[in-house]
Amino acid sequence: MMAAGWPRPRADGGEMADEFDSARDTITEVAESAAAHAGRIAVIIAGAVRDIAREVVDWVGEVVEAGESARRGADEPEVVVDVEPVERPGTAGS
């Protein structure tokens, strides 16, 4: 049984061929649109991955530099300056 509103096929196949062509055209348009959108989404994702990779590399570089600075600081001897207070003239006993 055919659905309501579905055109009845003609003996020469005219209605069916028109419907087939229309359905094929619609499917083609939808597939092309999906491919175009998928391509744009892929470009967005690739850009985001690139930006994330740059940030991670920058961060790791900062961590390595901080570690090297800490090691250099630990290797250097601590400098202690021992200064005795000096009295200025006219300030003694004020």
Protein backbone atom coordinates (compact mmCIF):
# COMPACT_ATOMS: atom_id res chain seq x y z
CA MET A 1 0.00 0.00 0.00
CA MET A 2 1.36 3.43 -0.91
CA ALA A 3 1.49 6.33 1.49
CA ALA A 4 -1.12 9.06 1.19
CA GLY A 5 -0.01 11.76 -1.21
CA TRP A 6 2.51 9.50 -2.85
CA PRO A 7 2.06 9.84 -6.59
CA ARG A 8 1.04 6.70 -8.37
CA PRO A 9 3.61 5.42 -10.82
CA ARG A 10 2.76 5.90 -14.45
CA ALA A 11 3.12 3.18 -16.98
CA ASP A 12 5.97 5.04 -18.69
CA GLY A 13 7.82 5.54 -15.36
CA GLY A 14 7.62 9.36 -15.56
CA GLU A 15 6.52 10.07 -11.97
CA MET A 16 8.96 7.63 -10.42
CA ALA A 17 11.88 8.98 -12.44
CA ASP A 18 11.08 12.59 -11.40
CA GLU A 19 10.84 11.59 -7.74
CA PHE A 20 14.05 9.60 -7.94
CA ASP A 21 15.90 12.54 -9.51
CA SER A 22 14.50 14.90 -6.91
CA ALA A 23 15.51 12.60 -4.04
CA ARG A 24 18.96 12.09 -5.55
CA ASP A 25 19.44 15.86 -5.91
CA THR A 26 18.36 16.42 -2.30
CA ILE A 27 20.73 13.74 -1.02
CA THR A 28 23.56 15.22 -3.09
CA GLU A 29 22.94 18.71 -1.65
CA VAL A 30 22.84 17.38 1.90
CA ALA A 31 26.04 15.37 1.40
CA GLU A 32 27.86 18.37 -0.12
CA SER A 33 26.71 20.61 2.71
CA ALA A 34 27.81 18.08 5.33
CA ALA A 35 31.23 17.75 3.68
CA ALA A 36 31.69 21.53 3.58
CA HIS A 37 30.74 21.90 7.24
CA ALA A 38 32.95 18.97 8.26
CA GLY A 39 35.86 20.60 6.43
CA ARG A 40 35.33 23.91 8.24
CA ILE A 41 35.05 22.11 11.59
CA ALA A 42 38.30 20.24 10.86
CA VAL A 43 40.07 23.55 10.17
CA ILE A 44 38.77 24.97 13.47
CA ILE A 45 39.92 21.87 15.39
CA ALA A 46 43.33 21.88 13.70
CA GLY A 47 43.80 25.53 14.66
CA ALA A 48 42.80 24.83 18.24
CA VAL A 49 45.21 21.88 18.48
CA ARG A 50 48.00 24.08 17.08
CA ASP A 51 47.28 26.83 19.64
CA ILE A 52 47.13 24.33 22.51
CA ALA A 53 50.43 22.77 21.43
CA ARG A 54 52.09 26.21 21.39
CA GLU A 55 50.81 26.99 24.88
CA VAL A 56 51.98 23.63 26.24
CA VAL A 57 55.44 24.10 24.73
CA ASP A 58 55.67 27.62 26.20
CA TRP A 59 54.58 26.34 29.61
CA VAL A 60 57.05 23.44 29.58
CA GLY A 61 59.79 25.87 28.60
CA GLU A 62 58.97 28.07 31.58
CA VAL A 63 59.00 25.06 33.92
CA VAL A 64 62.40 23.96 32.61
CA GLU A 65 63.80 27.49 32.98
CA ALA A 66 62.49 27.70 36.55
CA GLY A 67 64.13 24.38 37.39
CA GLU A 68 67.44 25.48 35.89
CA SER A 69 67.30 28.75 37.83
CA ALA A 70 66.62 26.88 41.05
CA ARG A 71 69.57 24.54 40.40
CA ARG A 72 71.87 27.47 39.62
CA GLY A 73 70.75 29.18 42.81
CA ALA A 74 71.45 26.06 44.86
CA ASP A 75 74.94 25.67 43.36
CA GLU A 76 76.02 29.24 44.15
CA PRO A 77 77.30 29.94 47.65
CA GLU A 78 75.17 32.14 49.83
CA VAL A 79 76.61 35.62 50.21
CA VAL A 80 76.26 37.10 53.68
CA VAL A 81 77.12 40.73 54.24
CA ASP A 82 77.93 41.60 57.83
CA VAL A 83 77.60 45.34 58.35
CA GLU A 84 78.02 47.09 61.64
CA PRO A 85 75.87 50.13 62.25
CA VAL A 86 77.64 53.44 61.86
CA GLU A 87 76.76 56.38 64.06
CA ARG A 88 76.35 59.68 62.34
CA PRO A 89 77.67 62.78 64.00
CA GLY A 90 75.03 64.59 65.94
CA THR A 91 72.68 61.61 66.23
CA ALA A 92 74.32 59.89 69.18
CA GLY A 93 72.17 59.78 72.25
CA SER A 94 69.17 61.46 70.67
